[in-house]
């Protein structure tokens, strides 16, 4: 592996760290997701070690998260929205979006850890 690959792996780990620590926008999350997918494609094409290939394939997509937390039913949010002139509906939507971003940030932490392990594996096979 070239030094540019190690630089890109460190870069994606740094970007992940920033997204976890800061309050990211949806655009930031989408950009990181694209970068993650491009990096995985590059590695799949250029890595020959089977163990490393399996590790690359285990790196998740940032937006592949499941929310097991039950949310308020839509009809309850609409009724509360009508009764409170829409403010509670927007409040519940905001809570739902914040929870989704939190889940995505958890996924980004996992991606960051996978790239740290990948960097270690690649250095070990040099």
C-alpha atoms as a PDB file:
ATOM      1  CA  UNK A   1       0.000   0.000   0.000  1.00  0.00           C
ATOM      2  CA  UNK A   2       1.170   3.455  -0.810  1.00  0.00           C
ATOM      3  CA  UNK A   3       1.581   6.227   1.709  1.00  0.00           C
ATOM      4  CA  UNK A   4      -1.353   8.073   0.098  1.00  0.00           C
ATOM      5  CA  UNK A   5      -3.682   5.236   1.151  1.00  0.00           C
ATOM      6  CA  UNK A   6      -2.497   5.539   4.742  1.00  0.00           C
ATOM      7  CA  UNK A   7      -2.979   9.302   4.522  1.00  0.00           C
ATOM      8  CA  UNK A   8      -6.551   8.803   3.256  1.00  0.00           C
ATOM      9  CA  UNK A   9      -7.282   6.279   6.018  1.00  0.00           C
ATOM     10  CA  UNK A  10      -6.041   8.742   8.631  1.00  0.00           C
ATOM     11  CA  UNK A  11      -8.032  11.511   6.942  1.00  0.00           C
ATOM     12  CA  UNK A  12     -11.291   9.542   7.052  1.00  0.00           C
ATOM     13  CA  UNK A  13     -10.648   8.765  10.737  1.00  0.00           C
ATOM     14  CA  UNK A  14     -10.095  12.479  11.433  1.00  0.00           C
ATOM     15  CA  UNK A  15     -13.257  13.438   9.552  1.00  0.00           C
ATOM     16  CA  UNK A  16     -15.204  10.817  11.499  1.00  0.00           C
ATOM     17  CA  UNK A  17     -13.874  12.232  14.755  1.00  0.00           C
ATOM     18  CA  UNK A  18     -15.013  15.733  13.820  1.00  0.00           C
ATOM     19  CA  UNK A  19     -18.489  14.517  12.854  1.00  0.00           C
ATOM     20  CA  UNK A  20     -18.855  12.698  16.154  1.00  0.00           C
ATOM     21  CA  UNK A  21     -17.662  15.646  18.255  1.00  0.00           C
ATOM     22  CA  UNK A  22     -19.502  18.424  16.404  1.00  0.00           C
ATOM     23  CA  UNK A  23     -23.114  18.841  15.399  1.00  0.00           C
ATOM     24  CA  UNK A  24     -22.938  17.787  11.745  1.00  0.00           C
ATOM     25  CA  UNK A  25     -25.275  18.923   9.010  1.00  0.00           C
ATOM     26  CA  UNK A  26     -26.999  16.424   6.764  1.00  0.00           C
ATOM     27  CA  UNK A  27     -24.704  17.550   3.931  1.00  0.00           C
ATOM     28  CA  UNK A  28     -21.637  16.762   6.062  1.00  0.00           C
ATOM     29  CA  UNK A  29     -23.005  13.295   6.806  1.00  0.00           C
ATOM     30  CA  UNK A  30     -23.777  12.643   3.134  1.00  0.00           C
ATOM     31  CA  UNK A  31     -20.310  13.799   2.083  1.00  0.00           C
ATOM     32  CA  UNK A  32     -18.686  11.533   4.655  1.00  0.00           C
ATOM     33  CA  UNK A  33     -20.849   8.631   3.525  1.00  0.00           C
ATOM     34  CA  UNK A  34     -19.763   9.140  -0.105  1.00  0.00           C
ATOM     35  CA  UNK A  35     -16.113   9.345   0.943  1.00  0.00           C
ATOM     36  CA  UNK A  36     -16.490   6.162   2.997  1.00  0.00           C
ATOM     37  CA  UNK A  37     -18.051   4.278   0.077  1.00  0.00           C
ATOM     38  CA  UNK A  38     -15.402   5.522  -2.388  1.00  0.00           C
ATOM     39  CA  UNK A  39     -12.641   4.492   0.000  1.00  0.00           C
ATOM     40  CA  UNK A  40     -14.123   1.023   0.430  1.00  0.00           C
ATOM     41  CA  UNK A  41     -14.403   0.582  -3.362  1.00  0.00           C
ATOM     42  CA  UNK A  42     -10.789   1.635  -3.815  1.00  0.00           C
ATOM     43  CA  UNK A  43      -9.623  -0.779  -1.138  1.00  0.00           C
ATOM     44  CA  UNK A  44     -11.682  -3.659  -2.532  1.00  0.00           C
ATOM     45  CA  UNK A  45     -10.029  -3.150  -5.921  1.00  0.00           C
ATOM     46  CA  UNK A  46      -6.492  -2.808  -4.564  1.00  0.00           C
ATOM     47  CA  UNK A  47      -6.189  -5.086  -1.529  1.00  0.00           C
ATOM     48  CA  UNK A  48      -5.108  -8.669  -2.046  1.00  0.00           C
ATOM     49  CA  UNK A  49      -5.012 -10.043   1.496  1.00  0.00           C
ATOM     50  CA  UNK A  50      -8.139 -12.029   2.309  1.00  0.00           C
ATOM     51  CA  UNK A  51      -8.260 -11.032   5.992  1.00  0.00           C
ATOM     52  CA  UNK A  52      -7.982  -7.344   5.118  1.00  0.00           C
ATOM     53  CA  UNK A  53     -10.584  -7.722   2.377  1.00  0.00           C
ATOM     54  CA  UNK A  54     -13.053  -9.203   4.874  1.00  0.00           C
ATOM     55  CA  UNK A  55     -12.380  -6.311   7.225  1.00  0.00           C
ATOM     56  CA  UNK A  56     -12.982  -3.748   4.453  1.00  0.00           C
ATOM     57  CA  UNK A  57     -16.258  -5.436   3.587  1.00  0.00           C
ATOM     58  CA  UNK A  58     -17.331  -5.236   7.239  1.00  0.00           C
ATOM     59  CA  UNK A  59     -17.105  -1.421   7.261  1.00  0.00           C
ATOM     60  CA  UNK A  60     -20.739  -0.287   7.400  1.00  0.00           C
ATOM     61  CA  UNK A  61     -22.494   2.367   5.377  1.00  0.00           C
ATOM     62  CA  UNK A  62     -23.072   5.423   7.538  1.00  0.00           C
ATOM     63  CA  UNK A  63     -26.799   5.572   6.809  1.00  0.00           C
ATOM     64  CA  UNK A  64     -27.447   1.862   7.457  1.00  0.00           C
ATOM     65  CA  UNK A  65     -28.785   2.348  10.963  1.00  0.00           C
ATOM     66  CA  UNK A  66     -31.839   0.869  12.565  1.00  0.00           C
ATOM     67  CA  UNK A  67     -33.819   2.850  15.077  1.00  0.00           C
ATOM     68  CA  UNK A  68     -35.328   0.462  17.608  1.00  0.00           C
ATOM     69  CA  UNK A  69     -36.740   3.294  19.690  1.00  0.00           C
ATOM     70  CA  UNK A  70     -40.471   3.620  19.196  1.00  0.00           C
ATOM     71  CA  UNK A  71     -41.457   7.038  17.909  1.00  0.00           C
ATOM     72  CA  UNK A  72     -44.717   8.852  18.422  1.00  0.00           C
ATOM     73  CA  UNK A  73     -47.410   7.742  15.992  1.00  0.00           C
ATOM     74  CA  UNK A  74     -47.980  10.249  13.199  1.00  0.00           C
ATOM     75  CA  UNK A  75     -51.635  10.756  14.105  1.00  0.00           C
ATOM     76  CA  UNK A  76     -50.687  11.686  17.697  1.00  0.00           C
ATOM     77  CA  UNK A  77     -48.141  14.198  16.393  1.00  0.00           C
ATOM     78  CA  UNK A  78     -50.722  15.671  14.012  1.00  0.00           C
ATOM     79  CA  UNK A  79     -53.399  15.996  16.715  1.00  0.00           C
ATOM     80  CA  UNK A  80     -50.919  17.630  19.093  1.00  0.00           C
ATOM     81  CA  UNK A  81     -49.792  19.846  16.235  1.00  0.00           C
ATOM     82  CA  UNK A  82     -53.344  20.990  15.562  1.00  0.00           C
ATOM     83  CA  UNK A  83     -54.024  21.627  19.259  1.00  0.00           C
ATOM     84  CA  UNK A  84     -50.792  23.581  19.752  1.00  0.00           C
ATOM     85  CA  UNK A  85     -50.910  25.396  16.391  1.00  0.00           C
ATOM     86  CA  UNK A  86     -48.177  23.234  14.924  1.00  0.00           C
ATOM     87  CA  UNK A  87     -45.435  23.831  17.454  1.00  0.00           C
ATOM     88  CA  UNK A  88     -45.483  20.371  19.054  1.00  0.00           C
ATOM     89  CA  UNK A  89     -45.450  18.653  15.653  1.00  0.00           C
ATOM     90  CA  UNK A  90     -42.239  20.481  14.744  1.00  0.00           C
ATOM     91  CA  UNK A  91     -40.817  19.763  18.184  1.00  0.00           C
ATOM     92  CA  UNK A  92     -41.418  16.014  17.789  1.00  0.00           C
ATOM     93  CA  UNK A  93     -39.986  16.094  14.251  1.00  0.00           C
ATOM     94  CA  UNK A  94     -36.903  17.856  15.620  1.00  0.00           C
ATOM     95  CA  UNK A  95     -36.515  15.191  18.330  1.00  0.00           C
ATOM     96  CA  UNK A  96     -36.808  12.444  15.730  1.00  0.00           C
ATOM     97  CA  UNK A  97     -34.171  14.073  13.495  1.00  0.00           C
ATOM     98  CA  UNK A  98     -31.833  14.583  16.462  1.00  0.00           C
ATOM     99  CA  UNK A  99     -32.210  10.909  17.431  1.00  0.00           C
ATOM    100  CA  UNK A 100     -31.473   9.855  13.838  1.00  0.00           C
ATOM    101  CA  UNK A 101     -28.330  12.021  13.734  1.00  0.00           C
ATOM    102  CA  UNK A 102     -27.243  10.504  17.042  1.00  0.00           C
ATOM    103  CA  UNK A 103     -27.646   7.003  15.587  1.00  0.00           C
ATOM    104  CA  UNK A 104     -25.659   8.025  12.507  1.00  0.00           C
ATOM    105  CA  UNK A 105     -22.919   9.431  14.753  1.00  0.00           C
ATOM    106  CA  UNK A 106     -22.771   6.074  16.556  1.00  0.00           C
ATOM    107  CA  UNK A 107     -22.366   4.416  13.163  1.00  0.00           C
ATOM    108  CA  UNK A 108     -19.595   6.886  12.297  1.00  0.00           C
ATOM    109  CA  UNK A 109     -17.785   5.916  15.522  1.00  0.00           C
ATOM    110  CA  UNK A 110     -17.914   2.307  14.362  1.00  0.00           C
ATOM    111  CA  UNK A 111     -16.598   3.277  10.915  1.00  0.00           C
ATOM    112  CA  UNK A 112     -13.792   5.248  12.559  1.00  0.00           C
ATOM    113  CA  UNK A 113     -12.797   2.213  14.625  1.00  0.00           C
ATOM    114  CA  UNK A 114     -12.886  -0.061  11.583  1.00  0.00           C
ATOM    115  CA  UNK A 115     -10.507   2.246   9.711  1.00  0.00           C
ATOM    116  CA  UNK A 116      -8.163   2.375  12.721  1.00  0.00           C
ATOM    117  CA  UNK A 117      -8.061  -1.420  12.741  1.00  0.00           C
ATOM    118  CA  UNK A 118      -7.607  -1.448   8.963  1.00  0.00           C
ATOM    119  CA  UNK A 119      -4.632   0.886   9.248  1.00  0.00           C
ATOM    120  CA  UNK A 120      -3.065  -1.453  11.796  1.00  0.00           C
ATOM    121  CA  UNK A 121      -3.712  -4.517   9.588  1.00  0.00           C
ATOM    122  CA  UNK A 122      -2.243  -2.821   6.528  1.00  0.00           C
ATOM    123  CA  UNK A 123       0.894  -1.776   8.408  1.00  0.00           C
ATOM    124  CA  UNK A 124       1.302  -5.333   9.709  1.00  0.00           C
ATOM    125  CA  UNK A 125       1.218  -6.764   6.172  1.00  0.00           C
ATOM    126  CA  UNK A 126       3.831  -4.390   4.745  1.00  0.00           C
END
